[in-house]
Amino acid sequence: MTIHLDNIRLKAYHGIYDHERQYGNNFSVDVSFDIDAERSAISDDIADTVNYETVYKIVKDEMSLAANLLENVAYRIHKSIKKEFPAIDRLRVAVSKYDPFANGNVDRVTVSVADE
């Protein structure tokens, strides 16, 4: 079974420029992963699956730690989720920064990390 957490919207302070660190920017995070959900599908018990509220909290916590590069942020989120839930397969994390360039015509830039 695949679980998706789509478009987690957060304000954060990632970037290499002073104004990004001072004023922040809008970001979104997408997380998807595969799990063996047969047990939880039968039991209907949260203890038998990956609690995606916990995944959300991991994303929120990692996004609150300012970084220069989105590569670092995506990597940290991926690593933290895998540490908390080692049974997850094919984890993919994508971090998007909106309006990344002052006076630019780019909606967003996205960096993603995925299991092979």
Protein backbone atom coordinates (compact mmCIF):
# COMPACT_ATOMS: atom_id res chain seq x y z
CA MET A 1 0.00 0.00 0.00
CA THR A 2 1.22 3.53 -0.71
CA ILE A 3 0.62 6.47 1.60
CA HIS A 4 0.96 10.06 0.37
CA LEU A 5 1.19 13.24 2.41
CA ASP A 6 0.75 15.87 -0.28
CA ASN A 7 1.42 19.58 -0.16
CA ILE A 8 2.38 20.03 3.50
CA ARG A 9 2.54 23.83 3.54
CA LEU A 10 4.96 25.59 5.85
CA LYS A 11 6.78 28.86 6.24
CA ALA A 12 10.50 28.33 6.82
CA TYR A 13 13.80 30.16 6.74
CA HIS A 14 15.97 28.19 4.33
CA GLY A 15 18.29 29.86 1.86
CA ILE A 16 21.67 31.40 1.30
CA TYR A 17 20.55 35.03 1.34
CA ASP A 18 20.03 37.19 4.39
CA HIS A 19 16.48 38.15 3.39
CA GLU A 20 15.52 34.45 3.18
CA ARG A 21 16.81 33.87 6.70
CA GLN A 22 15.18 37.02 8.04
CA TYR A 23 11.75 36.97 6.35
CA GLY A 24 11.36 33.31 5.38
CA ASN A 25 9.55 31.88 2.41
CA ASN A 26 6.68 29.53 1.59
CA PHE A 27 7.52 25.87 1.19
CA SER A 28 5.67 22.64 0.59
CA VAL A 29 6.71 19.08 1.26
CA ASP A 30 5.40 15.90 -0.35
CA VAL A 31 6.09 12.53 1.25
CA SER A 32 5.13 9.15 -0.14
CA PHE A 33 6.05 5.65 0.93
CA ASP A 34 5.06 2.04 0.62
CA ILE A 35 4.22 -0.17 3.58
CA ASP A 36 2.92 -3.66 4.13
CA ALA A 37 -0.53 -2.67 5.36
CA GLU A 38 -2.27 -6.02 5.45
CA ARG A 39 -2.11 -6.26 9.23
CA SER A 40 -3.48 -2.74 9.82
CA ALA A 41 -6.11 -3.13 7.11
CA ILE A 42 -7.47 -6.15 8.96
CA SER A 43 -7.01 -4.91 12.55
CA ASP A 44 -8.04 -1.29 11.93
CA ASP A 45 -5.50 -0.36 14.62
CA ILE A 46 -3.08 2.58 14.30
CA ALA A 47 -0.46 0.59 16.22
CA ASP A 48 -0.20 -1.78 13.25
CA THR A 49 0.79 0.83 10.69
CA VAL A 50 2.84 3.97 10.10
CA ASN A 51 1.16 6.85 11.87
CA TYR A 52 1.27 9.57 9.25
CA GLU A 53 0.67 12.23 11.87
CA THR A 54 4.10 11.30 13.20
CA VAL A 55 5.51 11.63 9.67
CA TYR A 56 3.95 15.11 9.50
CA LYS A 57 5.57 16.06 12.82
CA ILE A 58 8.97 14.90 11.55
CA VAL A 59 8.56 17.08 8.47
CA LYS A 60 7.49 20.07 10.58
CA ASP A 61 10.42 19.63 13.00
CA GLU A 62 13.02 19.30 10.25
CA MET A 63 11.60 22.27 8.34
CA SER A 64 11.95 24.41 11.47
CA LEU A 65 15.75 23.97 11.38
CA ALA A 66 17.10 26.59 8.96
CA ALA A 67 19.47 25.38 6.25
CA ASN A 68 21.28 26.94 3.32
CA LEU A 69 20.22 24.29 0.80
CA LEU A 70 17.01 22.41 0.06
CA GLU A 71 19.18 19.37 -0.59
CA ASN A 72 20.08 19.37 3.10
CA VAL A 73 16.46 19.78 4.19
CA ALA A 74 15.15 16.98 1.95
CA TYR A 75 17.96 14.67 3.06
CA ARG A 76 17.31 15.33 6.76
CA ILE A 77 13.57 14.70 6.41
CA HIS A 78 14.20 11.45 4.50
CA LYS A 79 16.76 10.24 7.03
CA SER A 80 14.55 11.08 10.04
CA ILE A 81 11.50 9.30 8.62
CA LYS A 82 13.56 6.19 7.81
CA LYS A 83 15.02 6.22 11.32
CA GLU A 84 11.57 6.42 12.94
CA PHE A 85 9.96 3.89 10.58
CA PRO A 86 12.56 1.44 9.23
CA ALA A 87 9.84 -0.78 7.72
CA ILE A 88 8.94 1.90 5.16
CA ASP A 89 9.79 1.01 1.57
CA ARG A 90 10.34 3.38 -1.36
CA LEU A 91 10.29 6.57 0.64
CA ARG A 92 10.22 9.74 -1.46
CA VAL A 93 10.53 13.26 -0.04
CA ALA A 94 10.16 16.38 -2.17
CA VAL A 95 10.71 19.88 -0.77
CA SER A 96 9.52 22.87 -2.82
CA LYS A 97 10.41 26.51 -2.31
CA TYR A 98 7.97 29.01 -3.83
CA ASP A 99 9.10 32.15 -5.62
CA PRO A 100 12.75 31.18 -5.16
CA PHE A 101 14.28 34.12 -7.03
CA ALA A 102 13.75 37.80 -6.35
CA ASN A 103 12.45 39.33 -9.59
CA GLY A 104 12.35 35.87 -11.17
CA ASN A 105 9.66 34.12 -13.11
CA VAL A 106 9.85 30.72 -11.42
CA ASP A 107 6.88 29.35 -9.49
CA ARG A 108 8.93 26.97 -7.38
CA VAL A 109 12.06 24.89 -7.21
CA THR A 110 11.83 21.32 -5.91
CA VAL A 111 14.47 18.98 -4.55
CA SER A 112 13.58 15.34 -4.02
CA VAL A 113 15.21 12.38 -2.36
CA ALA A 114 14.03 8.83 -2.96
CA ASP A 115 15.02 5.29 -2.05
CA GLU A 116 16.48 3.34 -4.92
